[in-house]
Amino acid sequence: LDTLQHLDLFNGEAPNKVYNTKTAQKVDYRNTPSEHGIGVSTLDLGRLVSWLNILSCLHPQHKDKAQQVLESGISAV
């Protein structure tokens, strides 16, 4: 959740489609670092929001952090 909260967003608005899993840097589909990113997937955003809500229900100890993730930019789309 901490990583999600601090991701470098695509155009400062929403998560990029692809990130390096070790560094959390925006990358392209070949895992090459990308300063601008490759775009946003609204389908993936919907999935992420759904799973953050499920996480909050099943593990209430993470509810506040999950809400912070949503407020940090993901819900800006």
PDB file of N, CA and C in Angstrom:
ATOM      1  N   LEU A   1       0.820  -1.195   0.000  1.00  0.00           N
ATOM      2  CA  LEU A   1       0.000   0.000   0.000  1.00  0.00           C
ATOM      3  C   LEU A   1       0.862   1.256   0.000  1.00  0.00           C
ATOM      4  N   ASP A   2       1.981   1.197   0.705  1.00  0.00           N
ATOM      5  CA  ASP A   2       2.879   2.358   0.708  1.00  0.00           C
ATOM      6  C   ASP A   2       3.400   2.646  -0.694  1.00  0.00           C
ATOM      7  N   THR A   3       3.751   1.601  -1.422  1.00  0.00           N
ATOM      8  CA  THR A   3       4.248   1.792  -2.788  1.00  0.00           C
ATOM      9  C   THR A   3       3.168   2.398  -3.666  1.00  0.00           C
ATOM     10  N   LEU A   4       1.950   1.883  -3.582  1.00  0.00           N
ATOM     11  CA  LEU A   4       0.854   2.430  -4.383  1.00  0.00           C
ATOM     12  C   LEU A   4       0.631   3.907  -4.087  1.00  0.00           C
ATOM     13  N   GLN A   5       0.755   4.269  -2.834  1.00  0.00           N
ATOM     14  CA  GLN A   5       0.515   5.654  -2.431  1.00  0.00           C
ATOM     15  C   GLN A   5       1.558   6.609  -2.995  1.00  0.00           C
ATOM     16  N   HIS A   6       2.745   6.107  -3.302  1.00  0.00           N
ATOM     17  CA  HIS A   6       3.831   6.981  -3.745  1.00  0.00           C
ATOM     18  C   HIS A   6       4.234   6.775  -5.202  1.00  0.00           C
ATOM     19  N   LEU A   7       3.406   6.098  -5.989  1.00  0.00           N
ATOM     20  CA  LEU A   7       3.732   5.894  -7.398  1.00  0.00           C
ATOM     21  C   LEU A   7       3.795   7.219  -8.148  1.00  0.00           C
ATOM     22  N   ASP A   8       4.701   7.284  -9.103  1.00  0.00           N
ATOM     23  CA  ASP A   8       4.761   8.414 -10.029  1.00  0.00           C
ATOM     24  C   ASP A   8       3.623   8.216 -11.027  1.00  0.00           C
ATOM     25  N   LEU A   9       2.634   9.088 -10.983  1.00  0.00           N
ATOM     26  CA  LEU A   9       1.432   8.920 -11.795  1.00  0.00           C
ATOM     27  C   LEU A   9       1.628   9.391 -13.231  1.00  0.00           C
ATOM     28  N   PHE A  10       0.915   8.776 -14.151  1.00  0.00           N
ATOM     29  CA  PHE A  10       0.916   9.184 -15.550  1.00  0.00           C
ATOM     30  C   PHE A  10       0.233  10.541 -15.649  1.00  0.00           C
ATOM     31  N   ASN A  11       0.929  11.515 -16.214  1.00  0.00           N
ATOM     32  CA  ASN A  11       0.429  12.898 -16.317  1.00  0.00           C
ATOM     33  C   ASN A  11      -0.020  13.454 -14.965  1.00  0.00           C
ATOM     34  N   GLY A  12       0.520  12.908 -13.880  1.00  0.00           N
ATOM     35  CA  GLY A  12       0.149  13.372 -12.553  1.00  0.00           C
ATOM     36  C   GLY A  12      -1.283  13.069 -12.169  1.00  0.00           C
ATOM     37  N   GLU A  13      -1.938  12.162 -12.908  1.00  0.00           N
ATOM     38  CA  GLU A  13      -3.363  11.925 -12.702  1.00  0.00           C
ATOM     39  C   GLU A  13      -3.720  10.531 -12.213  1.00  0.00           C
ATOM     40  N   ALA A  14      -3.121   9.510 -12.791  1.00  0.00           N
ATOM     41  CA  ALA A  14      -3.510   8.131 -12.484  1.00  0.00           C
ATOM     42  C   ALA A  14      -2.311   7.216 -12.721  1.00  0.00           C
ATOM     43  N   PRO A  15      -2.354   6.012 -12.165  1.00  0.00           N
ATOM     44  CA  PRO A  15      -1.227   5.096 -12.352  1.00  0.00           C
ATOM     45  C   PRO A  15      -0.969   4.761 -13.817  1.00  0.00           C
ATOM     46  N   ASN A  16       0.297   4.664 -14.155  1.00  0.00           N
ATOM     47  CA  ASN A  16       0.716   4.207 -15.476  1.00  0.00           C
ATOM     48  C   ASN A  16       0.261   2.758 -15.655  1.00  0.00           C
ATOM     49  N   LYS A  17       0.174   2.296 -16.888  1.00  0.00           N
ATOM     50  CA  LYS A  17      -0.209   0.902 -17.130  1.00  0.00           C
ATOM     51  C   LYS A  17       0.811  -0.082 -16.593  1.00  0.00           C
ATOM     52  N   VAL A  18       2.105   0.280 -16.624  1.00  0.00           N
ATOM     53  CA  VAL A  18       3.161  -0.672 -16.286  1.00  0.00           C
ATOM     54  C   VAL A  18       4.221   0.000 -15.410  1.00  0.00           C
ATOM     55  N   TYR A  19       4.645  -0.723 -14.377  1.00  0.00           N
ATOM     56  CA  TYR A  19       5.723  -0.285 -13.496  1.00  0.00           C
ATOM     57  C   TYR A  19       6.724  -1.420 -13.319  1.00  0.00           C
ATOM     58  N   ASN A  20       7.968  -1.066 -13.037  1.00  0.00           N
ATOM     59  CA  ASN A  20       8.970  -2.058 -12.685  1.00  0.00           C
ATOM     60  C   ASN A  20       8.647  -2.542 -11.268  1.00  0.00           C
ATOM     61  N   THR A  21       8.550  -3.847 -11.078  1.00  0.00           N
ATOM     62  CA  THR A  21       8.147  -4.374  -9.773  1.00  0.00           C
ATOM     63  C   THR A  21       9.217  -4.229  -8.701  1.00  0.00           C
ATOM     64  N   LYS A  22      10.457  -4.011  -9.099  1.00  0.00           N
ATOM     65  CA  LYS A  22      11.530  -3.848  -8.112  1.00  0.00           C
ATOM     66  C   LYS A  22      11.746  -2.393  -7.723  1.00  0.00           C
ATOM     67  N   THR A  23      11.570  -1.477  -8.682  1.00  0.00           N
ATOM     68  CA  THR A  23      11.879  -0.070  -8.429  1.00  0.00           C
ATOM     69  C   THR A  23      10.644   0.825  -8.362  1.00  0.00           C
ATOM     70  N   ALA A  24       9.501   0.333  -8.817  1.00  0.00           N
ATOM     71  CA  ALA A  24       8.249   1.097  -8.902  1.00  0.00           C
ATOM     72  C   ALA A  24       8.350   2.266  -9.884  1.00  0.00           C
ATOM     73  N   GLN A  25       9.330   2.223 -10.798  1.00  0.00           N
ATOM     74  CA  GLN A  25       9.454   3.251 -11.838  1.00  0.00           C
ATOM     75  C   GLN A  25       8.500   2.950 -12.987  1.00  0.00           C
ATOM     76  N   LYS A  26       8.017   4.019 -13.635  1.00  0.00           N
ATOM     77  CA  LYS A  26       7.229   3.829 -14.850  1.00  0.00           C
ATOM     78  C   LYS A  26       8.116   3.194 -15.912  1.00  0.00           C
ATOM     79  N   VAL A  27       7.580   2.192 -16.602  1.00  0.00           N
ATOM     80  CA  VAL A  27       8.307   1.521 -17.673  1.00  0.00           C
ATOM     81  C   VAL A  27       7.361   1.287 -18.841  1.00  0.00           C
ATOM     82  N   ASP A  28       7.948   0.846 -19.973  1.00  0.00           N
ATOM     83  CA  ASP A  28       7.123   0.435 -21.104  1.00  0.00           C
ATOM     84  C   ASP A  28       6.922  -1.078 -21.024  1.00  0.00           C
ATOM     85  N   TYR A  29       6.302  -1.664 -22.059  1.00  0.00           N
ATOM     86  CA  TYR A  29       6.008  -3.096 -22.027  1.00  0.00           C
ATOM     87  C   TYR A  29       7.258  -3.975 -22.080  1.00  0.00           C
ATOM     88  N   ARG A  30       8.400  -3.399 -22.401  1.00  0.00           N
ATOM     89  CA  ARG A  30       9.665  -4.146 -22.400  1.00  0.00           C
ATOM     90  C   ARG A  30      10.426  -3.951 -21.091  1.00  0.00           C
ATOM     91  N   ASN A  31       9.780  -3.328 -20.131  1.00  0.00           N
ATOM     92  CA  ASN A  31      10.364  -3.036 -18.821  1.00  0.00           C
ATOM     93  C   ASN A  31      11.522  -2.044 -18.911  1.00  0.00           C
ATOM     94  N   THR A  32      11.505  -1.212 -19.951  1.00  0.00           N
ATOM     95  CA  THR A  32      12.486  -0.148 -20.120  1.00  0.00           C
ATOM     96  C   THR A  32      11.948   1.104 -19.431  1.00  0.00           C
ATOM     97  N   PRO A  33      12.738   1.750 -18.574  1.00  0.00           N
ATOM     98  CA  PRO A  33      12.252   2.957 -17.903  1.00  0.00           C
ATOM     99  C   PRO A  33      11.686   3.975 -18.895  1.00  0.00           C
ATOM    100  N   SER A  34      10.592   4.592 -18.506  1.00  0.00           N
ATOM    101  CA  SER A  34       9.910   5.563 -19.354  1.00  0.00           C
ATOM    102  C   SER A  34       9.566   6.789 -18.517  1.00  0.00           C
ATOM    103  N   GLU A  35      10.121   7.922 -18.892  1.00  0.00           N
ATOM    104  CA  GLU A  35       9.886   9.154 -18.135  1.00  0.00           C
ATOM    105  C   GLU A  35       8.411   9.547 -18.134  1.00  0.00           C
ATOM    106  N   HIS A  36       7.761   9.371 -19.275  1.00  0.00           N
ATOM    107  CA  HIS A  36       6.370   9.812 -19.403  1.00  0.00           C
ATOM    108  C   HIS A  36       5.356   8.710 -19.145  1.00  0.00           C
ATOM    109  N   GLY A  37       5.762   7.458 -19.265  1.00  0.00           N
ATOM    110  CA  GLY A  37       4.818   6.357 -19.117  1.00  0.00           C
ATOM    111  C   GLY A  37       4.151   6.033 -20.439  1.00  0.00           C
ATOM    112  N   ILE A  38       3.240   5.062 -20.409  1.00  0.00           N
ATOM    113  CA  ILE A  38       2.581   4.649 -21.649  1.00  0.00           C
ATOM    114  C   ILE A  38       1.078   4.839 -21.618  1.00  0.00           C
ATOM    115  N   GLY A  39       0.549   5.278 -20.513  1.00  0.00           N
ATOM    116  CA  GLY A  39      -0.881   5.533 -20.475  1.00  0.00           C
ATOM    117  C   GLY A  39      -1.549   4.928 -19.252  1.00  0.00           C
ATOM    118  N   VAL A  40      -2.861   5.016 -19.252  1.00  0.00           N
ATOM    119  CA  VAL A  40      -3.680   4.582 -18.126  1.00  0.00           C
ATOM    120  C   VAL A  40      -4.704   3.576 -18.627  1.00  0.00           C
ATOM    121  N   SER A  41      -4.973   2.561 -17.838  1.00  0.00           N
ATOM    122  CA  SER A  41      -6.025   1.601 -18.149  1.00  0.00           C
ATOM    123  C   SER A  41      -7.177   1.823 -17.177  1.00  0.00           C
ATOM    124  N   THR A  42      -8.302   2.292 -17.681  1.00  0.00           N
ATOM    125  CA  THR A  42      -9.444   2.509 -16.794  1.00  0.00           C
ATOM    126  C   THR A  42      -9.977   1.186 -16.255  1.00  0.00           C
ATOM    127  N   LEU A  43      -9.857   0.125 -17.030  1.00  0.00           N
ATOM    128  CA  LEU A  43     -10.269  -1.191 -16.548  1.00  0.00           C
ATOM    129  C   LEU A  43      -9.413  -1.612 -15.354  1.00  0.00           C
ATOM    130  N   ASP A  44      -8.098  -1.424 -15.467  1.00  0.00           N
ATOM    131  CA  ASP A  44      -7.204  -1.750 -14.351  1.00  0.00           C
ATOM    132  C   ASP A  44      -7.479  -0.862 -13.141  1.00  0.00           C
ATOM    133  N   LEU A  45      -7.808   0.399 -13.370  1.00  0.00           N
ATOM    134  CA  LEU A  45      -8.143   1.290 -12.254  1.00  0.00           C
ATOM    135  C   LEU A  45      -9.380   0.794 -11.522  1.00  0.00           C
ATOM    136  N   GLY A  46     -10.378   0.378 -12.278  1.00  0.00           N
ATOM    137  CA  GLY A  46     -11.589  -0.167 -11.666  1.00  0.00           C
ATOM    138  C   GLY A  46     -11.291  -1.394 -10.830  1.00  0.00           C
ATOM    139  N   ARG A  47     -10.447  -2.260 -11.364  1.00  0.00           N
ATOM    140  CA  ARG A  47     -10.053  -3.462 -10.617  1.00  0.00           C
ATOM    141  C   ARG A  47      -9.320  -3.086  -9.330  1.00  0.00           C
ATOM    142  N   LEU A  48      -8.412  -2.126  -9.427  1.00  0.00           N
ATOM    143  CA  LEU A  48      -7.643  -1.711  -8.258  1.00  0.00           C
ATOM    144  C   LEU A  48      -8.553  -1.129  -7.180  1.00  0.00           C
ATOM    145  N   VAL A  49      -9.468  -0.269  -7.573  1.00  0.00           N
ATOM    146  CA  VAL A  49     -10.391   0.329  -6.606  1.00  0.00           C
ATOM    147  C   VAL A  49     -11.234  -0.761  -5.948  1.00  0.00           C
ATOM    148  N   SER A  50     -11.710  -1.714  -6.748  1.00  0.00           N
ATOM    149  CA  SER A  50     -12.508  -2.816  -6.194  1.00  0.00           C
ATOM    150  C   SER A  50     -11.716  -3.611  -5.171  1.00  0.00           C
ATOM    151  N   TRP A  51     -10.474  -3.948  -5.517  1.00  0.00           N
ATOM    152  CA  TRP A  51      -9.663  -4.748  -4.596  1.00  0.00           C
ATOM    153  C   TRP A  51      -9.258  -3.966  -3.355  1.00  0.00           C
ATOM    154  N   LEU A  52      -9.054  -2.683  -3.484  1.00  0.00           N
ATOM    155  CA  LEU A  52      -8.763  -1.886  -2.287  1.00  0.00           C
ATOM    156  C   LEU A  52      -9.970  -1.866  -1.352  1.00  0.00           C
ATOM    157  N   ASN A  53     -11.169  -1.815  -1.928  1.00  0.00           N
ATOM    158  CA  ASN A  53     -12.382  -1.870  -1.106  1.00  0.00           C
ATOM    159  C   ASN A  53     -12.546  -3.237  -0.452  1.00  0.00           C
ATOM    160  N   ILE A  54     -12.260  -4.306  -1.197  1.00  0.00           N
ATOM    161  CA  ILE A  54     -12.324  -5.656  -0.632  1.00  0.00           C
ATOM    162  C   ILE A  54     -11.311  -5.789   0.499  1.00  0.00           C
ATOM    163  N   LEU A  55     -10.097  -5.313   0.265  1.00  0.00           N
ATOM    164  CA  LEU A  55      -9.059  -5.352   1.294  1.00  0.00           C
ATOM    165  C   LEU A  55      -9.531  -4.649   2.563  1.00  0.00           C
ATOM    166  N   SER A  56     -10.146  -3.491   2.392  1.00  0.00           N
ATOM    167  CA  SER A  56     -10.627  -2.718   3.544  1.00  0.00           C
ATOM    168  C   SER A  56     -11.674  -3.484   4.347  1.00  0.00           C
ATOM    169  N   CYS A  57     -12.516  -4.229   3.645  1.00  0.00           N
ATOM    170  CA  CYS A  57     -13.566  -5.000   4.328  1.00  0.00           C
ATOM    171  C   CYS A  57     -13.006  -6.242   5.023  1.00  0.00           C
ATOM    172  N   LEU A  58     -12.119  -6.946   4.339  1.00  0.00           N
ATOM    173  CA  LEU A  58     -11.592  -8.197   4.883  1.00  0.00           C
ATOM    174  C   LEU A  58     -10.494  -7.985   5.919  1.00  0.00           C
ATOM    175  N   HIS A  59      -9.790  -6.884   5.798  1.00  0.00           N
ATOM    176  CA  HIS A  59      -8.673  -6.581   6.707  1.00  0.00           C
ATOM    177  C   HIS A  59      -8.794  -5.127   7.165  1.00  0.00           C
ATOM    178  N   PRO A  60      -9.710  -4.868   8.090  1.00  0.00           N
ATOM    179  CA  PRO A  60      -9.984  -3.484   8.506  1.00  0.00           C
ATOM    180  C   PRO A  60      -8.759  -2.715   8.988  1.00  0.00           C
ATOM    181  N   GLN A  61      -7.727  -3.428   9.412  1.00  0.00           N
ATOM    182  CA  GLN A  61      -6.519  -2.733   9.864  1.00  0.00           C
ATOM    183  C   GLN A  61      -5.838  -1.984   8.718  1.00  0.00           C
ATOM    184  N   HIS A  62      -6.194  -2.310   7.483  1.00  0.00           N
ATOM    185  CA  HIS A  62      -5.607  -1.637   6.317  1.00  0.00           C
ATOM    186  C   HIS A  62      -6.548  -0.599   5.690  1.00  0.00           C
ATOM    187  N   LYS A  63      -7.696  -0.406   6.296  1.00  0.00           N
ATOM    188  CA  LYS A  63      -8.706   0.489   5.711  1.00  0.00           C
ATOM    189  C   LYS A  63      -8.187   1.915   5.526  1.00  0.00           C
ATOM    190  N   ASP A  64      -7.555   2.469   6.547  1.00  0.00           N
ATOM    191  CA  ASP A  64      -7.071   3.853   6.453  1.00  0.00           C
ATOM    192  C   ASP A  64      -6.021   4.006   5.353  1.00  0.00           C
ATOM    193  N   LYS A  65      -5.096   3.065   5.276  1.00  0.00           N
ATOM    194  CA  LYS A  65      -4.036   3.135   4.258  1.00  0.00           C
ATOM    195  C   LYS A  65      -4.636   2.964   2.862  1.00  0.00           C
ATOM    196  N   ALA A  66      -5.598   2.061   2.711  1.00  0.00           N
ATOM    197  CA  ALA A  66      -6.243   1.872   1.407  1.00  0.00           C
ATOM    198  C   ALA A  66      -6.965   3.152   0.983  1.00  0.00           C
ATOM    199  N   GLN A  67      -7.608   3.816   1.930  1.00  0.00           N
ATOM    200  CA  GLN A  67      -8.286   5.076   1.626  1.00  0.00           C
ATOM    201  C   GLN A  67      -7.280   6.145   1.220  1.00  0.00           C
ATOM    202  N   GLN A  68      -6.134   6.175   1.868  1.00  0.00           N
ATOM    203  CA  GLN A  68      -5.089   7.137   1.508  1.00  0.00           C
ATOM    204  C   GLN A  68      -4.595   6.890   0.085  1.00  0.00           C
ATOM    205  N   VAL A  69      -4.482   5.621  -0.295  1.00  0.00           N
ATOM    206  CA  VAL A  69      -4.067   5.292  -1.665  1.00  0.00           C
ATOM    207  C   VAL A  69      -5.074   5.867  -2.650  1.00  0.00           C
ATOM    208  N   LEU A  70      -6.348   5.668  -2.383  1.00  0.00           N
ATOM    209  CA  LEU A  70      -7.382   6.196  -3.277  1.00  0.00           C
ATOM    210  C   LEU A  70      -7.333   7.719  -3.349  1.00  0.00           C
ATOM    211  N   GLU A  71      -7.110   8.360  -2.237  1.00  0.00           N
ATOM    212  CA  GLU A  71      -7.082   9.823  -2.198  1.00  0.00           C
ATOM    213  C   GLU A  71      -5.805  10.405  -2.785  1.00  0.00           C
ATOM    214  N   SER A  72      -4.765   9.588  -2.935  1.00  0.00           N
ATOM    215  CA  SER A  72      -3.482  10.102  -3.427  1.00  0.00           C
ATOM    216  C   SER A  72      -3.458  10.293  -4.938  1.00  0.00           C
ATOM    217  N   GLY A  73      -4.531   9.972  -5.615  1.00  0.00           N
ATOM    218  CA  GLY A  73      -4.548  10.221  -7.046  1.00  0.00           C
ATOM    219  C   GLY A  73      -5.323   9.225  -7.861  1.00  0.00           C
ATOM    220  N   ILE A  74      -5.467   8.032  -7.373  1.00  0.00           N
ATOM    221  CA  ILE A  74      -6.159   7.013  -8.151  1.00  0.00           C
ATOM    222  C   ILE A  74      -7.604   7.408  -8.385  1.00  0.00           C
ATOM    223  N   SER A  75      -8.237   8.043  -7.418  1.00  0.00           N
ATOM    224  CA  SER A  75      -9.639   8.412  -7.587  1.00  0.00           C
ATOM    225  C   SER A  75      -9.807   9.691  -8.398  1.00  0.00           C
ATOM    226  N   ALA A  76      -8.705  10.292  -8.836  1.00  0.00           N
ATOM    227  CA  ALA A  76      -8.788  11.543  -9.594  1.00  0.00           C
ATOM    228  C   ALA A  76      -9.228  11.329 -11.035  1.00  0.00           C
ATOM    229  N   VAL A  77      -9.287  10.094 -11.456  1.00  0.00           N
ATOM    230  CA  VAL A  77      -9.627   9.792 -12.855  1.00  0.00           C
ATOM    231  C   VAL A  77     -11.102   9.906 -13.082  1.00  0.00           C
TER     232      VAL A  77
END
